[in-house]
Amino acid sequence: MKKAFLVILAMVIGLSLVTSSWSTVPAAAGKAQTICPVMGGEINKNIYADYQGKRVYFCCTACIAEFNKDPEKFVKKLEGQGVKVAPAPGK
């Protein structure tokens, strides 16, 4: 009986530690962009386009042309992946 109580207590403590760490991350925080929304490669912070006050980074300059065909599609794609798109300077 004592052993079962200790096992249950350990499980409750473990579960509370896990769930408390979830609550410390603000829901609106989002992660920084690290992947190109067009090709999926690692971004280069020197290659970007500004769209509606947001700065979107790319892996190569060819991706900018593709992005410009439908920028909203790619911004939504990033945001759907939990990425907080960086604000364009001055915004």
Protein backbone atom coordinates (compact mmCIF):
# COMPACT_ATOMS: atom_id res chain seq x y z
CA MET A 1 0.00 0.00 0.00
CA LYS A 2 2.80 2.39 0.93
CA LYS A 3 4.67 1.52 -2.29
CA ALA A 4 1.59 2.23 -4.43
CA PHE A 5 1.15 5.60 -2.69
CA LEU A 6 4.76 6.55 -3.39
CA VAL A 7 4.44 5.56 -7.05
CA ILE A 8 1.28 7.65 -7.44
CA LEU A 9 2.88 10.57 -5.61
CA ALA A 10 5.93 10.41 -7.89
CA MET A 11 3.68 10.38 -10.96
CA VAL A 12 1.70 13.39 -9.74
CA ILE A 13 4.87 15.35 -8.97
CA GLY A 14 6.37 14.45 -12.36
CA LEU A 15 3.21 15.45 -14.19
CA SER A 16 3.01 18.75 -12.33
CA LEU A 17 6.63 19.55 -13.25
CA VAL A 18 5.97 18.87 -16.92
CA THR A 19 2.77 20.90 -17.09
CA SER A 20 4.25 23.79 -15.13
CA SER A 21 7.05 24.12 -17.69
CA TRP A 22 4.43 24.34 -20.45
CA SER A 23 2.73 27.26 -18.80
CA THR A 24 5.93 29.34 -18.57
CA VAL A 25 6.03 29.83 -22.35
CA PRO A 26 3.68 32.60 -23.49
CA ALA A 27 1.25 31.36 -26.14
CA ALA A 28 1.90 34.31 -28.44
CA ALA A 29 5.69 34.13 -28.16
CA GLY A 30 6.43 31.97 -31.21
CA LYS A 31 9.86 30.91 -32.32
CA ALA A 32 12.30 32.85 -34.44
CA GLN A 33 12.47 32.05 -38.15
CA THR A 34 15.30 29.67 -39.02
CA ILE A 35 13.94 27.96 -42.15
CA CYS A 36 13.17 29.45 -45.57
CA PRO A 37 9.41 29.34 -46.22
CA VAL A 38 9.95 28.64 -49.94
CA MET A 39 12.68 25.98 -50.19
CA GLY A 40 13.00 24.90 -46.57
CA GLY A 41 16.73 25.60 -46.33
CA GLU A 42 18.51 27.41 -43.52
CA ILE A 43 17.92 31.15 -43.78
CA ASN A 44 20.55 33.75 -44.57
CA LYS A 45 19.83 36.95 -42.58
CA ASN A 46 21.23 39.00 -45.51
CA ILE A 47 18.52 37.71 -47.87
CA TYR A 48 15.04 38.96 -47.03
CA ALA A 49 11.88 40.70 -48.19
CA ASP A 50 9.66 43.05 -46.22
CA TYR A 51 5.92 42.52 -46.50
CA GLN A 52 3.22 44.44 -44.61
CA GLY A 53 5.59 45.41 -41.81
CA LYS A 54 7.11 41.93 -41.52
CA ARG A 55 10.59 40.79 -42.54
CA VAL A 56 10.80 37.32 -44.05
CA TYR A 57 14.20 35.67 -44.50
CA PHE A 58 15.21 33.22 -47.24
CA CYS A 59 17.91 30.69 -48.04
CA CYS A 60 18.74 32.21 -51.44
CA THR A 61 17.79 35.14 -53.67
CA ALA A 62 15.77 32.91 -56.02
CA CYS A 63 13.25 32.38 -53.22
CA ILE A 64 12.40 36.08 -53.10
CA ALA A 65 10.84 35.95 -56.58
CA GLU A 66 8.71 32.97 -55.59
CA PHE A 67 7.69 34.68 -52.34
CA ASN A 68 6.65 37.83 -54.23
CA LYS A 69 4.12 35.80 -56.29
CA ASP A 70 2.03 35.15 -53.14
CA PRO A 71 3.64 36.64 -50.01
CA GLU A 72 0.59 36.08 -47.79
CA LYS A 73 0.78 32.33 -48.47
CA PHE A 74 4.34 32.14 -47.18
CA VAL A 75 3.75 34.39 -44.16
CA LYS A 76 0.79 32.21 -43.17
CA LYS A 77 2.92 29.11 -43.69
CA LEU A 78 5.54 30.42 -41.25
CA GLU A 79 2.96 31.50 -38.70
CA GLY A 80 1.24 28.11 -39.02
CA GLN A 81 4.56 26.52 -38.03
CA GLY A 82 4.65 28.65 -34.87
CA VAL A 83 7.17 31.14 -36.23
CA LYS A 84 6.88 34.73 -35.06
CA VAL A 85 7.77 36.63 -38.22
CA ALA A 86 10.19 39.45 -37.41
CA PRO A 87 9.00 43.01 -37.76
CA ALA A 88 10.55 45.04 -40.54
CA PRO A 89 12.82 47.81 -39.20
CA GLY A 90 10.87 50.92 -38.39
CA LYS A 91 7.66 48.96 -37.78
